Protein backbone atom coordinates (compact mmCIF):
# COMPACT_ATOMS: atom_id res chain seq x y z
CA MET A 1 87.34 148.88 134.94
CA ASN A 2 87.90 145.28 133.83
CA SER A 3 89.71 143.09 136.31
CA ALA A 4 92.74 140.98 135.47
CA PRO A 5 90.74 137.72 135.80
CA ASP A 6 88.22 139.07 133.25
CA ARG A 7 91.00 139.85 130.79
CA LEU A 8 92.52 136.41 131.40
CA SER A 9 89.14 134.77 130.84
CA LEU A 10 88.70 136.64 127.56
CA ARG A 11 92.15 135.55 126.38
CA ASP A 12 91.37 131.96 127.33
CA GLU A 13 88.09 132.13 125.45
CA GLN A 14 89.77 133.55 122.36
CA ARG A 15 92.48 130.91 122.54
CA ALA A 16 89.84 128.16 122.82
CA LEU A 17 87.99 129.56 119.79
CA THR A 18 91.22 129.70 117.79
CA ARG A 19 92.03 126.11 118.75
CA ARG A 20 88.52 125.05 117.69
CA ARG A 21 88.90 126.76 114.31
CA LEU A 22 92.28 125.12 113.81
CA LEU A 23 90.91 121.66 114.58
CA ASP A 24 87.95 122.20 112.24
CA GLY A 25 90.27 123.55 109.54
CA ALA A 26 92.65 120.62 109.98
CA GLU A 27 89.81 118.12 109.65
CA ALA A 28 88.74 119.70 106.37
CA VAL A 29 92.27 119.91 104.96
CA PHE A 30 93.29 116.39 106.04
CA ALA A 31 90.10 114.99 104.49
CA ARG A 32 90.77 116.87 101.27
CA SER A 33 94.54 116.51 100.91
CA GLY A 34 95.49 113.55 103.08
CA TYR A 35 97.97 113.68 105.94
CA HIS A 36 101.12 114.07 103.87
CA GLY A 37 99.50 116.39 101.35
CA ALA A 38 98.30 118.80 104.04
CA SER A 39 100.55 121.66 105.09
CA VAL A 40 100.39 123.82 108.20
CA ASP A 41 100.03 126.88 105.96
CA GLU A 42 96.99 125.37 104.25
CA ILE A 43 95.46 124.40 107.59
CA ALA A 44 96.01 127.89 109.01
CA ARG A 45 94.41 129.49 105.95
CA GLU A 46 91.44 127.13 106.15
CA ALA A 47 90.99 128.10 109.80
CA GLY A 48 91.39 131.83 109.16
CA ALA A 49 94.41 131.89 111.45
CA THR A 50 98.14 132.42 111.19
CA THR A 51 100.79 129.72 111.29
CA GLY A 52 102.02 131.40 114.47
CA ALA A 53 98.61 130.81 116.04
CA LEU A 54 98.76 127.18 114.92
CA TYR A 55 102.16 126.63 116.53
CA SER A 56 101.09 128.38 119.71
CA ASN A 57 98.34 125.75 120.09
CA PHE A 58 100.03 122.66 118.63
CA ALA A 59 103.67 121.65 118.61
CA SER A 60 103.55 120.22 115.09
CA LYS A 61 101.31 118.88 112.35
CA GLU A 62 101.57 115.48 114.03
CA ASP A 63 100.44 116.95 117.34
CA LEU A 64 97.47 118.61 115.60
CA PHE A 65 96.47 115.36 113.91
CA LEU A 66 96.66 113.38 117.16
CA ALA A 67 94.57 116.02 118.95
CA LEU A 68 91.98 115.75 116.19
CA PHE A 69 92.09 111.94 116.40
CA ASP A 70 91.63 112.10 120.19
CA GLU A 71 88.59 114.31 119.73
CA ARG A 72 87.08 112.03 117.10
CA ILE A 73 87.60 108.93 119.27
CA ALA A 74 85.93 110.64 122.24
CA ALA A 75 82.92 111.64 120.13
CA ASP A 76 82.55 108.17 118.63
CA VAL A 77 82.83 106.48 122.03
CA ARG A 78 80.05 108.74 123.35
CA ASP A 79 77.89 107.66 120.42
CA TYR A 80 78.67 103.98 121.03
CA SER A 81 77.86 104.35 124.74
CA GLN A 82 74.44 105.81 123.97
CA ILE A 83 73.72 103.06 121.44
CA VAL A 84 74.66 100.28 123.87
CA ALA A 85 72.65 101.88 126.69
CA GLY A 86 69.55 101.89 124.49
CA GLY A 87 69.97 98.34 123.20
CA ALA A 88 68.39 95.12 124.39
CA GLY A 89 69.58 91.51 124.33
CA ALA A 90 72.49 90.24 122.27
CA GLU A 91 71.27 92.51 119.48
CA GLN A 92 72.67 95.48 121.42
CA ALA A 93 76.05 94.39 120.07
CA ARG A 94 74.80 95.15 116.57
CA GLY A 95 74.16 98.83 117.21
CA PRO A 96 77.80 99.97 117.65
CA ALA A 97 78.89 97.73 114.74
CA ASP A 98 76.27 99.26 112.46
CA HIS A 99 77.36 102.72 113.58
CA TRP A 100 80.96 101.95 112.58
CA MET A 101 79.85 100.83 109.13
CA GLU A 102 77.79 104.01 108.88
CA ILE A 103 80.90 106.07 109.66
CA LEU A 104 82.76 104.31 106.86
CA ARG A 105 79.93 105.15 104.44
CA GLU A 106 79.30 108.73 105.50
CA ARG A 107 82.94 109.74 106.12
CA PRO A 108 84.73 107.85 103.33
CA GLY A 109 87.98 109.75 103.83
CA TYR A 110 88.18 109.00 107.55
CA PHE A 111 89.67 105.50 107.54
CA PRO A 112 92.10 106.02 104.62
CA LEU A 113 93.43 109.09 106.46
CA PHE A 114 93.84 107.05 109.64
CA ILE A 115 95.73 104.33 107.74
CA GLU A 116 97.97 106.94 106.10
CA PHE A 117 98.93 108.38 109.49
CA TRP A 118 99.26 104.91 111.07
CA ALA A 119 101.79 103.87 108.39
CA TYR A 120 103.75 107.05 109.10
CA ALA A 121 103.55 106.90 112.90
CA ILE A 122 104.69 103.29 113.35
CA ARG A 123 108.05 104.25 111.84
CA ASP A 124 108.61 106.99 114.42
CA PRO A 125 109.08 105.66 117.98
CA ARG A 126 107.74 108.86 119.57
CA LEU A 127 104.61 108.95 117.44
CA ARG A 128 104.16 105.19 117.68
CA ASP A 129 104.03 105.44 121.48
CA ARG A 130 101.39 108.17 121.33
CA LEU A 131 99.35 106.24 118.79
CA ALA A 132 99.65 103.09 120.91
CA GLY A 133 98.24 105.06 123.83
CA GLN A 134 95.23 106.07 121.74
CA PHE A 135 94.74 102.47 120.62
CA ALA A 136 94.86 101.33 124.25
CA ALA A 137 92.26 103.93 125.24
CA LEU A 138 89.97 102.79 122.43
CA ARG A 139 90.39 99.13 123.45
CA SER A 140 89.54 100.04 127.03
CA SER A 141 86.39 101.82 125.88
CA SER A 142 85.35 98.79 123.80
CA ALA A 143 86.03 96.51 126.76
CA ARG A 144 83.97 98.71 129.08
CA LEU A 145 81.03 98.79 126.67
CA PHE A 146 81.22 95.02 126.23
CA LEU A 147 81.23 94.39 130.00
CA GLU A 148 78.33 96.80 130.51
CA GLY A 149 76.31 95.08 127.79
CA ALA A 150 77.10 91.64 129.17
CA GLY A 151 76.10 92.75 132.65
CA ARG A 152 72.67 93.81 131.41
CA GLN A 153 72.17 90.26 130.16
CA GLY A 154 73.07 88.69 133.49
CA VAL A 155 76.54 87.60 132.38
CA ALA A 156 79.55 88.82 134.36
CA PRO A 157 82.74 88.21 132.40
CA SER A 158 86.02 88.95 134.12
CA SER A 159 88.00 92.08 133.29
CA GLU A 160 90.46 89.77 131.51
CA VAL A 161 87.71 88.60 129.15
CA GLY A 162 86.63 92.21 128.70
CA GLU A 163 90.14 93.29 127.71
CA LEU A 164 90.44 90.51 125.15
CA MET A 165 86.99 91.30 123.77
CA GLY A 166 87.98 94.96 123.45
CA LEU A 167 91.01 93.89 121.42
CA LEU A 168 88.94 91.51 119.29
CA ILE A 169 86.21 94.07 118.58
CA ASN A 170 88.71 96.72 117.49
CA ALA A 171 90.66 94.24 115.37
CA LEU A 172 87.45 93.16 113.64
CA ALA A 173 86.40 96.76 113.06
CA ASN A 174 89.73 97.75 111.52
CA GLY A 175 90.15 94.54 109.54
CA LEU A 176 86.69 94.75 107.98
CA ALA A 177 87.25 98.43 107.23
CA LEU A 178 90.45 97.57 105.34
CA GLU A 179 88.66 94.89 103.34
CA LYS A 180 85.77 97.26 102.57
CA LEU A 181 88.19 99.99 101.56
CA ALA A 182 89.73 97.71 98.94
CA ASP A 183 86.54 95.97 97.81
CA PRO A 184 83.35 97.62 99.13
CA GLU A 185 81.00 95.05 97.62
CA ALA A 186 82.82 92.14 99.31
CA VAL A 187 81.92 93.28 102.84
CA PRO A 188 78.16 93.45 103.61
CA ASP A 189 77.25 96.30 105.93
CA ALA A 190 75.56 93.85 108.31
CA LEU A 191 78.56 91.50 108.62
CA PHE A 192 80.27 93.22 111.57
CA GLY A 193 77.03 93.30 113.55
CA ASP A 194 76.28 89.66 112.71
CA LEU A 195 79.72 88.61 113.98
CA LEU A 196 79.41 90.55 117.24
CA VAL A 197 75.95 89.13 117.91
CA LEU A 198 77.27 85.58 117.39
CA ILE A 199 80.23 86.22 119.71
CA PHE A 200 77.94 87.75 122.32
CA GLN A 201 75.49 84.84 122.15
CA ALA A 202 78.33 82.30 122.38
CA LEU A 203 79.71 84.00 125.48
CA GLN A 204 76.25 84.02 127.06
CA ALA A 205 75.87 80.29 126.41
CA LEU A 206 79.37 79.61 127.72
CA GLY A 207 78.67 81.61 130.86
CA ARG A 208 75.51 79.60 131.54
CA GLU A 209 77.09 76.19 130.87
CA ASN A 210 80.46 76.85 132.50
CA PRO A 211 80.40 79.91 134.77
CA SER A 212 84.04 79.40 135.74
CA MET A 213 85.08 80.43 132.22
CA THR A 214 84.12 84.01 133.02
CA GLU A 215 86.21 84.13 136.20
CA PRO A 216 89.57 85.97 136.39
CA GLY A 217 92.42 83.89 134.97
CA ALA A 218 90.08 81.42 133.26
CA LEU A 219 91.39 82.15 129.78
CA ARG A 220 95.00 81.84 130.87
CA ARG A 221 94.26 78.51 132.52
CA SER A 222 92.42 77.32 129.41
CA GLN A 223 95.31 78.38 127.18
CA ALA A 224 97.85 76.69 129.44
CA SER A 225 95.80 73.49 129.42
CA ALA A 226 95.53 73.55 125.62
CA ALA A 227 99.27 74.11 125.30
CA THR A 228 99.98 71.16 127.62
CA LYS A 229 97.71 68.90 125.58
CA THR A 230 99.40 70.01 122.35
CA LYS A 231 102.85 69.20 123.74
CA GLY A 232 101.58 65.81 124.84
CA VAL A 233 100.32 65.01 121.35
CA GLN A 234 103.60 66.12 119.81
CA HIS A 235 105.59 63.80 122.07
CA GLU A 236 103.46 60.77 121.30
């Protein structure tokens, strides 16, 4: 006779398989129809499931999209981590950048779909907060990878520098993707990597010449000093 835990385990396994099919079906439908063009009925059919099964796993189409986005971010961050771990020198910054450009080439519907949902989510405070949380997680991952790479080169930037670099890296990635989406020939595939290598090399040189610039609070002090000098010039 099967025990209650065995029956529970089987139900959990079936539920996990259904959730997996729904996520895979949603990815296919979103890529094909866009966020707004996709319907829960179409997603359920693609997954071989019922709409009831979809709503038992996800509260809404938005919830399903964000779960899919979370999963994609986690997979990409794992890839970036492996690339950075296998890199050497400042050139290790090029690997993740080249991987991002590869994603844009091989999954051409990925970034337009993200932009479509972003434009929708920023107008809804609830969705905007959830999307902001995902952005923050991605920035943190970029900052961590940057600090790990810098550490391998004997440079120890502060967490403050790491956070700002995480923001800069993500802003560059998204900005270049937008430009490439509009005019693919205008953005060379190597450009992102070239920029990150230059930034990495500049930070290495700065750390050697002025180690205090990598200490906590150094950027804030530098910004405050620059602001004071600017005010002084304006009053002259």
